[in-house]
């Protein structure tokens, strides 16, 4: 049998915290294959991390997904494990982080609160549940522990949920907002290429649109690849990671060029 797969996503940054958690996992499940999705999610930004996890999980093997962006660590927020219909188990805080990804894998089949202290480290701090609670529980699940053993069942309807922005196509324009800005400065928008096609009845390479973001108003062409425009030029394209609509800049930052950040309102109209 293949070793258990365990993905790992946090906002812990580049210090030793992720490595410490990996050590805890391997002390319980030595055969675990740990796939570090990222540890540089924007600090405390639960929705950013939820979006990254949601974007990644369809491409991962069935396994355990440990995600910790937890500004409420040590408070009354619940630590939870979710079983998705595909068979994956998610471990992390009940702050909305896990729900979109679990729902993307066929829906939520079961939820349990992490109340079985026998699966935690013996000493549990009030500020590092990633190491002391979430990592050991994820390791036990990867090792074959049934999710029902982590603690009491939870009604999925009581989970904290976060909403991604929704686009609207109306009156000849797409009104949307920024979901996420990646490391290259590419701007992922709420919406799909089909929304642009709906504005003009078709969507072909080179079709031009007017993009308005705050006081900035620019013409931007639709193209399938960055190399279709000159260096420094903007383009609208389908983001391969998100499979949705995005604004990029060939060898540059679209976010910096347009002054865009998460949740900024953007309007796109046919030129």
C-alpha atoms as a PDB file:
ATOM      1  CA  UNK A   1       0.000   0.000   0.000  1.00  0.00           C
ATOM      2  CA  UNK A   2       1.132   3.553  -0.719  1.00  0.00           C
ATOM      3  CA  UNK A   3       2.214   5.607   2.313  1.00  0.00           C
ATOM      4  CA  UNK A   4      -0.494   7.958   3.630  1.00  0.00           C
ATOM      5  CA  UNK A   5      -0.696  11.377   1.993  1.00  0.00           C
ATOM      6  CA  UNK A   6      -0.939  14.425   4.248  1.00  0.00           C
ATOM      7  CA  UNK A   7      -1.115  17.962   2.863  1.00  0.00           C
ATOM      8  CA  UNK A   8      -0.158  20.888   5.066  1.00  0.00           C
ATOM      9  CA  UNK A   9      -1.118  24.576   4.700  1.00  0.00           C
ATOM     10  CA  UNK A  10      -0.529  27.394   7.201  1.00  0.00           C
ATOM     11  CA  UNK A  11       0.345  31.063   7.657  1.00  0.00           C
ATOM     12  CA  UNK A  12       3.301  30.114   9.893  1.00  0.00           C
ATOM     13  CA  UNK A  13       5.874  31.655   7.579  1.00  0.00           C
ATOM     14  CA  UNK A  14       9.482  30.633   7.070  1.00  0.00           C
ATOM     15  CA  UNK A  15      10.580  30.016  10.664  1.00  0.00           C
ATOM     16  CA  UNK A  16      10.685  26.613  12.382  1.00  0.00           C
ATOM     17  CA  UNK A  17       6.974  26.202  13.163  1.00  0.00           C
ATOM     18  CA  UNK A  18       6.108  24.090  10.062  1.00  0.00           C
ATOM     19  CA  UNK A  19       9.153  21.863  10.591  1.00  0.00           C
ATOM     20  CA  UNK A  20       8.209  21.383  14.249  1.00  0.00           C
ATOM     21  CA  UNK A  21       4.721  20.264  13.211  1.00  0.00           C
ATOM     22  CA  UNK A  22       6.196  17.881  10.650  1.00  0.00           C
ATOM     23  CA  UNK A  23       8.333  16.381  13.406  1.00  0.00           C
ATOM     24  CA  UNK A  24       5.219  15.778  15.516  1.00  0.00           C
ATOM     25  CA  UNK A  25       3.474  14.150  12.552  1.00  0.00           C
ATOM     26  CA  UNK A  26       6.403  11.850  11.759  1.00  0.00           C
ATOM     27  CA  UNK A  27       6.758  10.828  15.416  1.00  0.00           C
ATOM     28  CA  UNK A  28       3.223   9.387  15.168  1.00  0.00           C
ATOM     29  CA  UNK A  29       3.037   8.414  11.481  1.00  0.00           C
ATOM     30  CA  UNK A  30       6.627   7.868  10.242  1.00  0.00           C
ATOM     31  CA  UNK A  31       5.489   6.857   6.752  1.00  0.00           C
ATOM     32  CA  UNK A  32       3.428   9.992   6.089  1.00  0.00           C
ATOM     33  CA  UNK A  33       4.195  11.760   2.821  1.00  0.00           C
ATOM     34  CA  UNK A  34       3.781  15.433   3.725  1.00  0.00           C
ATOM     35  CA  UNK A  35       2.951  17.822   0.892  1.00  0.00           C
ATOM     36  CA  UNK A  36       3.561  21.396   2.051  1.00  0.00           C
ATOM     37  CA  UNK A  37       1.051  23.433   0.042  1.00  0.00           C
ATOM     38  CA  UNK A  38       2.257  26.716   1.517  1.00  0.00           C
ATOM     39  CA  UNK A  39       3.270  28.233   4.826  1.00  0.00           C
ATOM     40  CA  UNK A  40       3.238  31.784   3.546  1.00  0.00           C
ATOM     41  CA  UNK A  41      -0.508  32.337   3.338  1.00  0.00           C
ATOM     42  CA  UNK A  42      -1.207  35.939   4.355  1.00  0.00           C
ATOM     43  CA  UNK A  43      -1.098  36.093   8.148  1.00  0.00           C
ATOM     44  CA  UNK A  44      -4.512  35.711   9.814  1.00  0.00           C
ATOM     45  CA  UNK A  45      -6.275  35.790   6.395  1.00  0.00           C
ATOM     46  CA  UNK A  46      -8.618  32.831   6.746  1.00  0.00           C
ATOM     47  CA  UNK A  47     -10.384  33.430   3.428  1.00  0.00           C
ATOM     48  CA  UNK A  48      -7.105  33.591   1.510  1.00  0.00           C
ATOM     49  CA  UNK A  49      -6.078  30.243   2.935  1.00  0.00           C
ATOM     50  CA  UNK A  50      -9.533  28.753   2.356  1.00  0.00           C
ATOM     51  CA  UNK A  51      -9.288  29.796  -1.291  1.00  0.00           C
ATOM     52  CA  UNK A  52      -5.814  28.262  -1.657  1.00  0.00           C
ATOM     53  CA  UNK A  53      -6.951  24.997  -0.062  1.00  0.00           C
ATOM     54  CA  UNK A  54     -10.095  24.948  -2.218  1.00  0.00           C
ATOM     55  CA  UNK A  55      -7.949  25.519  -5.317  1.00  0.00           C
ATOM     56  CA  UNK A  56      -5.501  22.735  -4.479  1.00  0.00           C
ATOM     57  CA  UNK A  57      -7.442  19.758  -3.151  1.00  0.00           C
ATOM     58  CA  UNK A  58      -8.909  18.440  -6.443  1.00  0.00           C
ATOM     59  CA  UNK A  59      -5.349  17.752  -7.619  1.00  0.00           C
ATOM     60  CA  UNK A  60      -4.225  15.947  -4.452  1.00  0.00           C
ATOM     61  CA  UNK A  61      -4.520  12.250  -3.602  1.00  0.00           C
ATOM     62  CA  UNK A  62      -7.215  11.216  -1.158  1.00  0.00           C
ATOM     63  CA  UNK A  63      -5.702  11.728   2.255  1.00  0.00           C
ATOM     64  CA  UNK A  64      -5.552  13.995   5.280  1.00  0.00           C
ATOM     65  CA  UNK A  65      -5.407  17.768   4.787  1.00  0.00           C
ATOM     66  CA  UNK A  66      -4.048  19.767   7.706  1.00  0.00           C
ATOM     67  CA  UNK A  67      -4.741  23.509   7.480  1.00  0.00           C
ATOM     68  CA  UNK A  68      -3.991  26.012  10.234  1.00  0.00           C
ATOM     69  CA  UNK A  69      -4.714  29.716   9.894  1.00  0.00           C
ATOM     70  CA  UNK A  70      -6.053  30.324  13.327  1.00  0.00           C
ATOM     71  CA  UNK A  71      -6.302  33.876  14.692  1.00  0.00           C
ATOM     72  CA  UNK A  72      -8.679  32.500  17.341  1.00  0.00           C
ATOM     73  CA  UNK A  73      -6.194  29.976  18.750  1.00  0.00           C
ATOM     74  CA  UNK A  74      -6.752  29.397  22.456  1.00  0.00           C
ATOM     75  CA  UNK A  75     -10.288  30.825  22.432  1.00  0.00           C
ATOM     76  CA  UNK A  76     -13.627  29.029  22.430  1.00  0.00           C
ATOM     77  CA  UNK A  77     -13.463  28.339  18.667  1.00  0.00           C
ATOM     78  CA  UNK A  78     -13.758  24.602  18.012  1.00  0.00           C
ATOM     79  CA  UNK A  79     -10.981  22.386  16.696  1.00  0.00           C
ATOM     80  CA  UNK A  80     -12.560  20.042  14.149  1.00  0.00           C
ATOM     81  CA  UNK A  81     -12.063  17.234  11.661  1.00  0.00           C
ATOM     82  CA  UNK A  82     -14.233  16.952   8.554  1.00  0.00           C
ATOM     83  CA  UNK A  83     -14.670  13.890   6.349  1.00  0.00           C
ATOM     84  CA  UNK A  84     -15.486  14.757   2.742  1.00  0.00           C
ATOM     85  CA  UNK A  85     -17.545  12.510   0.500  1.00  0.00           C
ATOM     86  CA  UNK A  86     -14.415  11.653  -1.538  1.00  0.00           C
ATOM     87  CA  UNK A  87     -12.912  10.122   1.597  1.00  0.00           C
ATOM     88  CA  UNK A  88     -10.509  12.915   2.560  1.00  0.00           C
ATOM     89  CA  UNK A  89     -10.188  14.114   6.149  1.00  0.00           C
ATOM     90  CA  UNK A  90      -9.605  17.797   6.955  1.00  0.00           C
ATOM     91  CA  UNK A  91      -8.153  18.956  10.272  1.00  0.00           C
ATOM     92  CA  UNK A  92      -8.065  22.531  11.531  1.00  0.00           C
ATOM     93  CA  UNK A  93     -10.020  25.262  13.300  1.00  0.00           C
ATOM     94  CA  UNK A  94     -13.743  25.825  12.870  1.00  0.00           C
ATOM     95  CA  UNK A  95     -13.389  29.291  11.357  1.00  0.00           C
ATOM     96  CA  UNK A  96     -14.463  28.617   7.767  1.00  0.00           C
ATOM     97  CA  UNK A  97     -11.038  27.524   6.564  1.00  0.00           C
ATOM     98  CA  UNK A  98     -11.882  23.900   5.787  1.00  0.00           C
ATOM     99  CA  UNK A  99     -15.455  24.022   4.563  1.00  0.00           C
ATOM    100  CA  UNK A 100     -15.095  25.189   0.919  1.00  0.00           C
ATOM    101  CA  UNK A 101     -12.437  22.565   0.165  1.00  0.00           C
ATOM    102  CA  UNK A 102     -14.443  19.775   1.783  1.00  0.00           C
ATOM    103  CA  UNK A 103     -17.538  20.790  -0.143  1.00  0.00           C
ATOM    104  CA  UNK A 104     -15.531  20.775  -3.369  1.00  0.00           C
ATOM    105  CA  UNK A 105     -14.679  17.105  -2.777  1.00  0.00           C
ATOM    106  CA  UNK A 106     -18.268  15.951  -2.962  1.00  0.00           C
ATOM    107  CA  UNK A 107     -19.617  17.587   0.172  1.00  0.00           C
ATOM    108  CA  UNK A 108     -19.302  17.140   3.927  1.00  0.00           C
ATOM    109  CA  UNK A 109     -20.029  13.589   5.083  1.00  0.00           C
ATOM    110  CA  UNK A 110     -19.161  13.951   8.784  1.00  0.00           C
ATOM    111  CA  UNK A 111     -17.754  16.450  11.268  1.00  0.00           C
ATOM    112  CA  UNK A 112     -16.209  15.751  14.669  1.00  0.00           C
ATOM    113  CA  UNK A 113     -14.859  18.047  17.340  1.00  0.00           C
ATOM    114  CA  UNK A 114     -11.301  17.248  18.421  1.00  0.00           C
ATOM    115  CA  UNK A 115     -12.183  16.462  22.023  1.00  0.00           C
ATOM    116  CA  UNK A 116     -10.283  13.169  22.516  1.00  0.00           C
ATOM    117  CA  UNK A 117      -7.206  14.423  24.359  1.00  0.00           C
ATOM    118  CA  UNK A 118      -5.510  11.033  24.027  1.00  0.00           C
ATOM    119  CA  UNK A 119      -4.818  12.002  20.400  1.00  0.00           C
ATOM    120  CA  UNK A 120      -3.205  15.324  21.354  1.00  0.00           C
ATOM    121  CA  UNK A 121       0.273  15.964  22.684  1.00  0.00           C
ATOM    122  CA  UNK A 122       0.530  15.533  26.437  1.00  0.00           C
ATOM    123  CA  UNK A 123       1.249  19.222  26.934  1.00  0.00           C
ATOM    124  CA  UNK A 124      -0.942  21.622  24.979  1.00  0.00           C
ATOM    125  CA  UNK A 125      -0.107  25.305  24.781  1.00  0.00           C
ATOM    126  CA  UNK A 126      -2.734  28.004  24.357  1.00  0.00           C
ATOM    127  CA  UNK A 127      -0.942  29.549  21.365  1.00  0.00           C
ATOM    128  CA  UNK A 128       0.390  26.650  19.235  1.00  0.00           C
ATOM    129  CA  UNK A 129      -2.474  24.261  18.532  1.00  0.00           C
ATOM    130  CA  UNK A 130      -0.909  23.533  15.148  1.00  0.00           C
ATOM    131  CA  UNK A 131       1.844  21.600  16.921  1.00  0.00           C
ATOM    132  CA  UNK A 132       0.013  20.341  20.000  1.00  0.00           C
ATOM    133  CA  UNK A 133      -3.460  19.474  18.735  1.00  0.00           C
ATOM    134  CA  UNK A 134      -3.978  19.655  14.971  1.00  0.00           C
ATOM    135  CA  UNK A 135      -0.718  17.995  13.844  1.00  0.00           C
ATOM    136  CA  UNK A 136      -1.021  14.966  16.161  1.00  0.00           C
ATOM    137  CA  UNK A 137      -4.682  14.404  15.298  1.00  0.00           C
ATOM    138  CA  UNK A 138      -3.907  14.650  11.571  1.00  0.00           C
ATOM    139  CA  UNK A 139      -1.084  12.148  12.057  1.00  0.00           C
ATOM    140  CA  UNK A 140      -3.356   9.699  13.866  1.00  0.00           C
ATOM    141  CA  UNK A 141      -5.932   9.960  11.086  1.00  0.00           C
ATOM    142  CA  UNK A 142      -3.215   9.366   8.489  1.00  0.00           C
ATOM    143  CA  UNK A 143      -2.144   6.353  10.545  1.00  0.00           C
ATOM    144  CA  UNK A 144      -5.598   4.809  10.235  1.00  0.00           C
ATOM    145  CA  UNK A 145      -7.513   6.141  13.241  1.00  0.00           C
ATOM    146  CA  UNK A 146     -11.214   6.448  12.422  1.00  0.00           C
ATOM    147  CA  UNK A 147     -12.493  10.019  12.387  1.00  0.00           C
ATOM    148  CA  UNK A 148     -15.193   9.101  14.928  1.00  0.00           C
ATOM    149  CA  UNK A 149     -12.443   8.526  17.491  1.00  0.00           C
ATOM    150  CA  UNK A 150     -11.277  12.153  17.469  1.00  0.00           C
ATOM    151  CA  UNK A 151     -14.315  13.307  19.423  1.00  0.00           C
ATOM    152  CA  UNK A 152     -18.008  14.029  19.463  1.00  0.00           C
ATOM    153  CA  UNK A 153     -19.983  14.389  16.228  1.00  0.00           C
ATOM    154  CA  UNK A 154     -20.872  17.924  15.156  1.00  0.00           C
ATOM    155  CA  UNK A 155     -23.862  19.034  13.102  1.00  0.00           C
ATOM    156  CA  UNK A 156     -22.386  20.358   9.832  1.00  0.00           C
ATOM    157  CA  UNK A 157     -25.022  23.110   9.841  1.00  0.00           C
ATOM    158  CA  UNK A 158     -23.302  24.653  12.874  1.00  0.00           C
ATOM    159  CA  UNK A 159     -19.912  25.067  11.181  1.00  0.00           C
ATOM    160  CA  UNK A 160     -18.542  28.565  10.645  1.00  0.00           C
ATOM    161  CA  UNK A 161     -18.691  29.400   6.955  1.00  0.00           C
ATOM    162  CA  UNK A 162     -17.060  32.056   4.837  1.00  0.00           C
ATOM    163  CA  UNK A 163     -18.288  33.218   1.463  1.00  0.00           C
ATOM    164  CA  UNK A 164     -16.220  33.919  -1.609  1.00  0.00           C
ATOM    165  CA  UNK A 165     -17.355  37.001  -3.554  1.00  0.00           C
ATOM    166  CA  UNK A 166     -19.951  36.372  -6.247  1.00  0.00           C
ATOM    167  CA  UNK A 167     -19.825  38.107  -9.644  1.00  0.00           C
ATOM    168  CA  UNK A 168     -22.822  39.572 -11.410  1.00  0.00           C
ATOM    169  CA  UNK A 169     -23.326  40.013 -15.151  1.00  0.00           C
ATOM    170  CA  UNK A 170     -25.926  42.677 -15.746  1.00  0.00           C
ATOM    171  CA  UNK A 171     -26.588  45.659 -17.971  1.00  0.00           C
ATOM    172  CA  UNK A 172     -23.715  44.786 -20.300  1.00  0.00           C
ATOM    173  CA  UNK A 173     -20.978  44.561 -17.677  1.00  0.00           C
ATOM    174  CA  UNK A 174     -19.359  42.179 -15.232  1.00  0.00           C
ATOM    175  CA  UNK A 175     -19.220  43.451 -11.668  1.00  0.00           C
ATOM    176  CA  UNK A 176     -16.752  41.431  -9.635  1.00  0.00           C
ATOM    177  CA  UNK A 177     -14.053  41.718  -6.985  1.00  0.00           C
ATOM    178  CA  UNK A 178     -10.607  40.387  -6.212  1.00  0.00           C
ATOM    179  CA  UNK A 179     -10.523  36.902  -4.698  1.00  0.00           C
ATOM    180  CA  UNK A 180      -6.772  36.574  -4.339  1.00  0.00           C
ATOM    181  CA  UNK A 181      -3.490  38.100  -5.474  1.00  0.00           C
ATOM    182  CA  UNK A 182      -0.755  35.543  -6.080  1.00  0.00           C
ATOM    183  CA  UNK A 183       3.013  35.865  -5.658  1.00  0.00           C
ATOM    184  CA  UNK A 184       3.432  37.176  -9.230  1.00  0.00           C
ATOM    185  CA  UNK A 185       0.814  39.887  -8.731  1.00  0.00           C
ATOM    186  CA  UNK A 186      -1.762  38.099 -10.884  1.00  0.00           C
ATOM    187  CA  UNK A 187      -5.259  39.099  -9.787  1.00  0.00           C
ATOM    188  CA  UNK A 188      -7.785  36.282  -9.492  1.00  0.00           C
ATOM    189  CA  UNK A 189     -11.309  37.606  -9.893  1.00  0.00           C
ATOM    190  CA  UNK A 190     -14.636  36.136  -8.900  1.00  0.00           C
ATOM    191  CA  UNK A 191     -16.095  34.890 -12.168  1.00  0.00           C
ATOM    192  CA  UNK A 192     -15.423  32.690 -15.156  1.00  0.00           C
ATOM    193  CA  UNK A 193     -14.387  33.296 -18.775  1.00  0.00           C
ATOM    194  CA  UNK A 194     -17.961  32.398 -19.664  1.00  0.00           C
ATOM    195  CA  UNK A 195     -19.021  35.620 -17.931  1.00  0.00           C
ATOM    196  CA  UNK A 196     -16.959  37.589 -20.445  1.00  0.00           C
ATOM    197  CA  UNK A 197     -18.396  35.549 -23.299  1.00  0.00           C
ATOM    198  CA  UNK A 198     -21.893  36.394 -22.056  1.00  0.00           C
ATOM    199  CA  UNK A 199     -21.125  40.103 -22.415  1.00  0.00           C
ATOM    200  CA  UNK A 200     -20.492  39.893 -26.149  1.00  0.00           C
ATOM    201  CA  UNK A 201     -21.885  36.549 -27.260  1.00  0.00           C
ATOM    202  CA  UNK A 202     -18.430  35.064 -27.893  1.00  0.00           C
ATOM    203  CA  UNK A 203     -14.915  35.166 -26.533  1.00  0.00           C
ATOM    204  CA  UNK A 204     -11.933  35.077 -28.856  1.00  0.00           C
ATOM    205  CA  UNK A 205      -8.241  35.851 -28.583  1.00  0.00           C
ATOM    206  CA  UNK A 206      -7.655  39.577 -28.734  1.00  0.00           C
ATOM    207  CA  UNK A 207     -11.164  40.618 -27.686  1.00  0.00           C
ATOM    208  CA  UNK A 208     -10.783  43.841 -25.753  1.00  0.00           C
ATOM    209  CA  UNK A 209     -12.468  44.873 -22.527  1.00  0.00           C
ATOM    210  CA  UNK A 210     -12.431  47.984 -20.382  1.00  0.00           C
ATOM    211  CA  UNK A 211     -11.403  47.241 -16.809  1.00  0.00           C
ATOM    212  CA  UNK A 212     -12.288  49.789 -14.135  1.00  0.00           C
ATOM    213  CA  UNK A 213     -10.722  49.534 -10.697  1.00  0.00           C
ATOM    214  CA  UNK A 214     -11.191  52.573  -8.502  1.00  0.00           C
ATOM    215  CA  UNK A 215      -9.925  55.584 -10.427  1.00  0.00           C
ATOM    216  CA  UNK A 216      -8.046  53.404 -12.926  1.00  0.00           C
ATOM    217  CA  UNK A 217      -9.700  52.630 -16.261  1.00  0.00           C
ATOM    218  CA  UNK A 218      -7.731  50.642 -18.860  1.00  0.00           C
ATOM    219  CA  UNK A 219      -8.312  48.549 -21.978  1.00  0.00           C
ATOM    220  CA  UNK A 220      -7.235  44.938 -21.536  1.00  0.00           C
ATOM    221  CA  UNK A 221      -7.278  42.164 -24.167  1.00  0.00           C
ATOM    222  CA  UNK A 222      -8.378  38.573 -23.602  1.00  0.00           C
ATOM    223  CA  UNK A 223      -5.634  36.048 -24.347  1.00  0.00           C
ATOM    224  CA  UNK A 224      -4.916  32.449 -23.315  1.00  0.00           C
ATOM    225  CA  UNK A 225      -1.253  33.045 -22.449  1.00  0.00           C
ATOM    226  CA  UNK A 226       1.065  35.776 -21.163  1.00  0.00           C
ATOM    227  CA  UNK A 227       3.316  35.563 -24.202  1.00  0.00           C
ATOM    228  CA  UNK A 228       0.501  36.798 -26.430  1.00  0.00           C
ATOM    229  CA  UNK A 229       1.084  40.343 -25.138  1.00  0.00           C
ATOM    230  CA  UNK A 230       4.256  42.402 -24.946  1.00  0.00           C
ATOM    231  CA  UNK A 231       6.322  42.668 -21.776  1.00  0.00           C
ATOM    232  CA  UNK A 232       4.549  44.880 -19.267  1.00  0.00           C
ATOM    233  CA  UNK A 233       1.151  44.644 -20.992  1.00  0.00           C
ATOM    234  CA  UNK A 234      -1.981  43.562 -19.138  1.00  0.00           C
ATOM    235  CA  UNK A 235      -4.245  40.716 -20.201  1.00  0.00           C
ATOM    236  CA  UNK A 236      -7.394  38.943 -19.085  1.00  0.00           C
ATOM    237  CA  UNK A 237      -6.936  35.164 -19.023  1.00  0.00           C
ATOM    238  CA  UNK A 238      -8.154  31.927 -17.471  1.00  0.00           C
ATOM    239  CA  UNK A 239      -6.055  31.133 -14.404  1.00  0.00           C
ATOM    240  CA  UNK A 240      -4.926  27.484 -14.551  1.00  0.00           C
ATOM    241  CA  UNK A 241      -4.778  27.024 -10.769  1.00  0.00           C
ATOM    242  CA  UNK A 242      -8.175  28.510 -10.019  1.00  0.00           C
ATOM    243  CA  UNK A 243      -9.831  27.751 -13.404  1.00  0.00           C
ATOM    244  CA  UNK A 244     -11.458  31.174 -13.214  1.00  0.00           C
ATOM    245  CA  UNK A 245     -10.996  34.676 -14.518  1.00  0.00           C
ATOM    246  CA  UNK A 246      -7.810  36.631 -13.820  1.00  0.00           C
ATOM    247  CA  UNK A 247      -5.909  39.768 -14.765  1.00  0.00           C
ATOM    248  CA  UNK A 248      -2.197  39.342 -15.390  1.00  0.00           C
ATOM    249  CA  UNK A 249       0.721  41.390 -16.620  1.00  0.00           C
ATOM    250  CA  UNK A 250       3.417  39.852 -18.770  1.00  0.00           C
ATOM    251  CA  UNK A 251       6.542  39.741 -16.565  1.00  0.00           C
ATOM    252  CA  UNK A 252       5.043  42.188 -14.101  1.00  0.00           C
ATOM    253  CA  UNK A 253       2.482  42.638 -11.339  1.00  0.00           C
ATOM    254  CA  UNK A 254      -1.067  43.414 -12.441  1.00  0.00           C
ATOM    255  CA  UNK A 255      -2.042  44.078  -8.826  1.00  0.00           C
ATOM    256  CA  UNK A 256       0.656  46.696  -8.393  1.00  0.00           C
ATOM    257  CA  UNK A 257      -0.033  48.264 -11.789  1.00  0.00           C
ATOM    258  CA  UNK A 258      -3.763  48.601 -11.087  1.00  0.00           C
ATOM    259  CA  UNK A 259      -3.526  49.226  -7.342  1.00  0.00           C
ATOM    260  CA  UNK A 260      -5.594  46.132  -6.536  1.00  0.00           C
ATOM    261  CA  UNK A 261      -5.824  44.112  -3.334  1.00  0.00           C
ATOM    262  CA  UNK A 262      -8.205  41.476  -1.994  1.00  0.00           C
ATOM    263  CA  UNK A 263     -11.899  42.431  -2.135  1.00  0.00           C
ATOM    264  CA  UNK A 264     -11.300  45.454  -4.364  1.00  0.00           C
ATOM    265  CA  UNK A 265     -14.241  46.058  -6.719  1.00  0.00           C
ATOM    266  CA  UNK A 266     -13.583  45.575 -10.443  1.00  0.00           C
ATOM    267  CA  UNK A 267     -15.894  46.247 -13.375  1.00  0.00           C
ATOM    268  CA  UNK A 268     -15.278  44.674 -16.802  1.00  0.00           C
ATOM    269  CA  UNK A 269     -17.114  45.873 -19.929  1.00  0.00           C
ATOM    270  CA  UNK A 270     -16.699  45.090 -23.637  1.00  0.00           C
ATOM    271  CA  UNK A 271     -14.746  47.805 -25.395  1.00  0.00           C
END
